[in-house]
Amino acid sequence: MKSIKRILPFIVIGALAGISVDAAADDSANHAYIGGGVGYGRMNGEDFTNSNNDLTKSHVSWKALAGFGISNMLSLEGQYIDFGAANRNSDRIQATGWTAGVVLDFGKEKPITPYVKAGALFWNTDNRFNNISRSEDGTGLTFGVGVRFKLADNLALRTEYERFNMDHTDIDNFSAALQLNF
């Protein structure tokens, strides 16, 4: 598994490079977008608390995203996501990450557009237990599904579910974000 994580960025870049040049040459499909939103996350399908409920946590996540449409159906997208934190007295766990991937739209010209997305997650955790701090980082996979609702010619509301893999931890995140198209 570690060897796959090491070569994952190269696989993603290679897949993106293999996209048809004809699709990228279609100027009517080329557009950039930015956005941001908030979400709710869960780790390994459970809440962040232990059985005594003595670990306070923030399930709230937030993210910023940017992308570029290279065809009517395909966009390249990156995002920064803060997964929130869990605290107990002076102990703390916090995770953040960057993603790079592709978004495949189904019916982009319609007011309601479903989509799927997949890519690489470059994550970092900062942990502090018993006044000892430790940081870890790595590369994992991410995928998701969502629906984009057109609010205006250049504004959309995105609702999506994403799963992020960090070593042996899976984070499920449900979010809503505004997307501004250029």
Protein backbone atom coordinates (compact mmCIF):
# COMPACT_ATOMS: atom_id res chain seq x y z
CA MET A 1 0.00 0.00 0.00
CA LYS A 2 2.85 2.43 0.78
CA SER A 3 4.29 2.00 -2.72
CA ILE A 4 0.92 2.93 -4.23
CA LYS A 5 0.75 6.06 -2.08
CA ARG A 6 4.22 7.09 -3.22
CA ILE A 7 3.37 6.79 -6.91
CA LEU A 8 -0.25 8.03 -6.62
CA PRO A 9 0.59 11.66 -7.52
CA PHE A 10 2.33 10.43 -10.68
CA ILE A 11 -0.67 8.24 -11.59
CA VAL A 12 -3.03 11.23 -11.21
CA ILE A 13 -0.76 13.49 -13.28
CA GLY A 14 -0.39 10.78 -15.94
CA ALA A 15 -4.15 10.29 -16.13
CA LEU A 16 -4.69 14.00 -16.49
CA ALA A 17 -2.05 14.20 -19.22
CA GLY A 18 -3.82 11.42 -21.11
CA ILE A 19 -7.02 13.41 -21.49
CA SER A 20 -7.92 14.16 -25.08
CA VAL A 21 -6.26 17.26 -26.51
CA ASP A 22 -9.40 17.87 -28.57
CA ALA A 23 -11.45 18.33 -25.39
CA ALA A 24 -8.93 20.83 -24.03
CA ALA A 25 -8.98 22.73 -27.31
CA ASP A 26 -12.73 23.42 -27.01
CA ASP A 27 -12.63 27.05 -25.82
CA SER A 28 -16.36 27.10 -25.07
CA ALA A 29 -15.80 24.45 -22.38
CA ASN A 30 -12.77 26.10 -20.76
CA HIS A 31 -13.65 27.94 -17.59
CA ALA A 32 -12.13 28.53 -14.18
CA TYR A 33 -13.91 28.47 -10.85
CA ILE A 34 -13.27 29.05 -7.17
CA GLY A 35 -15.36 28.30 -4.14
CA GLY A 36 -15.61 27.52 -0.49
CA GLY A 37 -17.88 25.89 1.99
CA VAL A 38 -18.49 24.08 5.25
CA GLY A 39 -19.17 20.47 6.07
CA TYR A 40 -19.67 17.81 8.69
CA GLY A 41 -17.11 15.03 9.07
CA ARG A 42 -16.97 11.63 10.75
CA MET A 43 -13.95 9.42 11.30
CA ASN A 44 -14.16 5.68 10.48
CA GLY A 45 -17.95 5.87 10.36
CA GLU A 46 -18.22 6.82 14.04
CA ASP A 47 -18.25 9.95 16.13
CA PHE A 48 -14.95 11.21 17.50
CA THR A 49 -15.90 10.47 21.13
CA ASN A 50 -14.96 7.44 23.19
CA SER A 51 -17.51 5.45 25.19
CA ASN A 52 -17.29 7.93 28.11
CA ASN A 53 -18.02 10.89 25.84
CA ASP A 54 -15.13 12.83 27.40
CA LEU A 55 -13.49 13.98 24.17
CA THR A 56 -14.89 17.25 22.85
CA LYS A 57 -14.73 17.56 19.11
CA SER A 58 -15.56 19.71 16.17
CA HIS A 59 -17.22 17.79 13.37
CA VAL A 60 -17.29 21.01 11.36
CA SER A 61 -14.92 21.10 8.40
CA TRP A 62 -14.29 23.90 5.94
CA LYS A 63 -12.72 24.00 2.51
CA ALA A 64 -11.58 26.22 -0.29
CA LEU A 65 -11.50 24.94 -3.86
CA ALA A 66 -10.37 25.97 -7.32
CA GLY A 67 -10.74 24.28 -10.67
CA PHE A 68 -10.50 24.53 -14.41
CA GLY A 69 -12.95 22.95 -16.86
CA ILE A 70 -11.17 21.35 -19.80
CA SER A 71 -14.30 19.99 -21.47
CA ASN A 72 -18.06 20.12 -20.94
CA MET A 73 -17.80 17.04 -18.73
CA LEU A 74 -14.33 17.12 -17.17
CA SER A 75 -12.63 19.55 -14.77
CA LEU A 76 -9.34 19.53 -12.90
CA GLU A 77 -9.84 20.53 -9.28
CA GLY A 78 -7.79 21.19 -6.17
CA GLN A 79 -8.97 21.95 -2.69
CA TYR A 80 -7.72 22.68 0.80
CA ILE A 81 -9.74 21.13 3.61
CA ASP A 82 -9.58 21.53 7.38
CA PHE A 83 -11.20 18.46 8.93
CA GLY A 84 -11.72 20.00 12.38
CA ALA A 85 -10.23 18.97 15.72
CA ALA A 86 -10.79 16.81 18.78
CA ASN A 87 -9.73 18.02 22.24
CA ARG A 88 -9.49 16.67 25.78
CA ASN A 89 -7.88 18.93 28.38
CA SER A 90 -4.48 19.73 26.82
CA ASP A 91 -4.67 16.85 24.29
CA ARG A 92 -5.54 17.71 20.68
CA ILE A 93 -5.85 16.02 17.27
CA GLN A 94 -6.19 18.16 14.14
CA ALA A 95 -6.08 17.17 10.45
CA THR A 96 -5.84 19.17 7.21
CA GLY A 97 -5.18 18.28 3.59
CA TRP A 98 -4.80 19.32 -0.04
CA THR A 99 -6.41 17.42 -2.90
CA ALA A 100 -5.71 17.22 -6.62
CA GLY A 101 -8.14 15.38 -8.85
CA VAL A 102 -10.74 15.31 -11.57
CA VAL A 103 -14.48 16.05 -11.56
CA LEU A 104 -16.77 14.34 -14.08
CA ASP A 105 -20.08 16.20 -14.66
CA PHE A 106 -23.26 14.61 -16.01
CA GLY A 107 -25.33 17.24 -17.87
CA LYS A 108 -23.36 20.41 -17.15
CA GLU A 109 -25.70 22.68 -19.12
CA LYS A 110 -28.68 21.75 -16.91
CA PRO A 111 -29.71 23.69 -13.78
CA ILE A 112 -29.07 20.59 -11.62
CA THR A 113 -25.85 18.70 -12.38
CA PRO A 114 -24.77 15.49 -10.66
CA TYR A 115 -21.03 14.76 -10.62
CA VAL A 116 -18.38 12.36 -9.34
CA LYS A 117 -14.83 13.17 -8.34
CA ALA A 118 -11.62 11.31 -7.52
CA GLY A 119 -8.04 12.19 -6.78
CA ALA A 120 -5.15 12.27 -4.36
CA LEU A 121 -5.15 13.63 -0.80
CA PHE A 122 -1.97 15.09 0.66
CA TRP A 123 -2.75 15.17 4.39
CA ASN A 124 -1.18 16.37 7.63
CA THR A 125 -2.12 15.70 11.25
CA ASP A 126 -0.94 17.59 14.33
CA ASN A 127 -1.32 15.63 17.55
CA ARG A 128 -0.58 16.64 21.14
CA PHE A 129 -0.89 14.14 23.99
CA ASN A 130 0.50 14.64 27.50
CA ASN A 131 2.23 17.82 26.26
CA ILE A 132 4.13 15.87 23.58
CA SER A 133 3.51 17.11 20.04
CA ARG A 134 3.82 15.02 16.90
CA SER A 135 3.03 15.71 13.26
CA GLU A 136 2.40 13.12 10.57
CA ASP A 137 1.77 13.47 6.86
CA GLY A 138 1.10 11.26 3.90
CA THR A 139 -0.75 10.69 0.68
CA GLY A 140 -4.07 8.93 0.31
CA LEU A 141 -7.04 8.61 -2.01
CA THR A 142 -10.20 10.67 -2.11
CA PHE A 143 -13.45 10.23 -4.00
CA GLY A 144 -16.89 11.76 -3.87
CA VAL A 145 -20.28 12.37 -5.41
CA GLY A 146 -22.32 15.52 -5.48
CA VAL A 147 -24.98 17.67 -7.05
CA ARG A 148 -24.45 21.22 -8.31
CA PHE A 149 -27.44 23.59 -8.33
CA LYS A 150 -27.17 26.57 -10.69
CA LEU A 151 -28.15 29.74 -8.81
CA ALA A 152 -27.10 32.28 -11.48
CA ASP A 153 -25.04 32.31 -14.68
CA ASN A 154 -21.79 32.29 -12.73
CA LEU A 155 -22.85 30.99 -9.29
CA ALA A 156 -23.72 27.48 -8.11
CA LEU A 157 -24.41 25.67 -4.85
CA ARG A 158 -22.57 22.35 -4.47
CA THR A 159 -23.67 19.62 -2.07
CA GLU A 160 -21.35 16.65 -1.86
CA TYR A 161 -20.19 13.59 0.01
CA GLU A 162 -16.44 12.87 0.00
CA ARG A 163 -14.34 10.11 1.52
CA PHE A 164 -10.72 10.78 2.42
CA ASN A 165 -8.20 8.04 3.25
CA MET A 166 -5.36 8.81 5.67
CA ASP A 167 -3.34 5.62 6.31
CA HIS A 168 -5.78 3.43 8.29
CA THR A 169 -8.31 6.19 8.89
CA ASP A 170 -11.25 7.06 6.66
CA ILE A 171 -12.98 10.42 7.00
CA ASP A 172 -16.46 10.85 5.55
CA ASN A 173 -17.37 14.47 4.89
CA PHE A 174 -20.73 15.94 3.86
CA SER A 175 -20.48 19.56 2.70
CA ALA A 176 -22.18 22.50 1.01
CA ALA A 177 -20.14 25.06 -0.92
CA LEU A 178 -20.65 28.02 -3.20
CA GLN A 179 -18.87 27.91 -6.58
CA LEU A 180 -18.11 31.08 -8.56
CA ASN A 181 -17.48 30.47 -12.29
CA PHE A 182 -15.35 32.73 -14.51
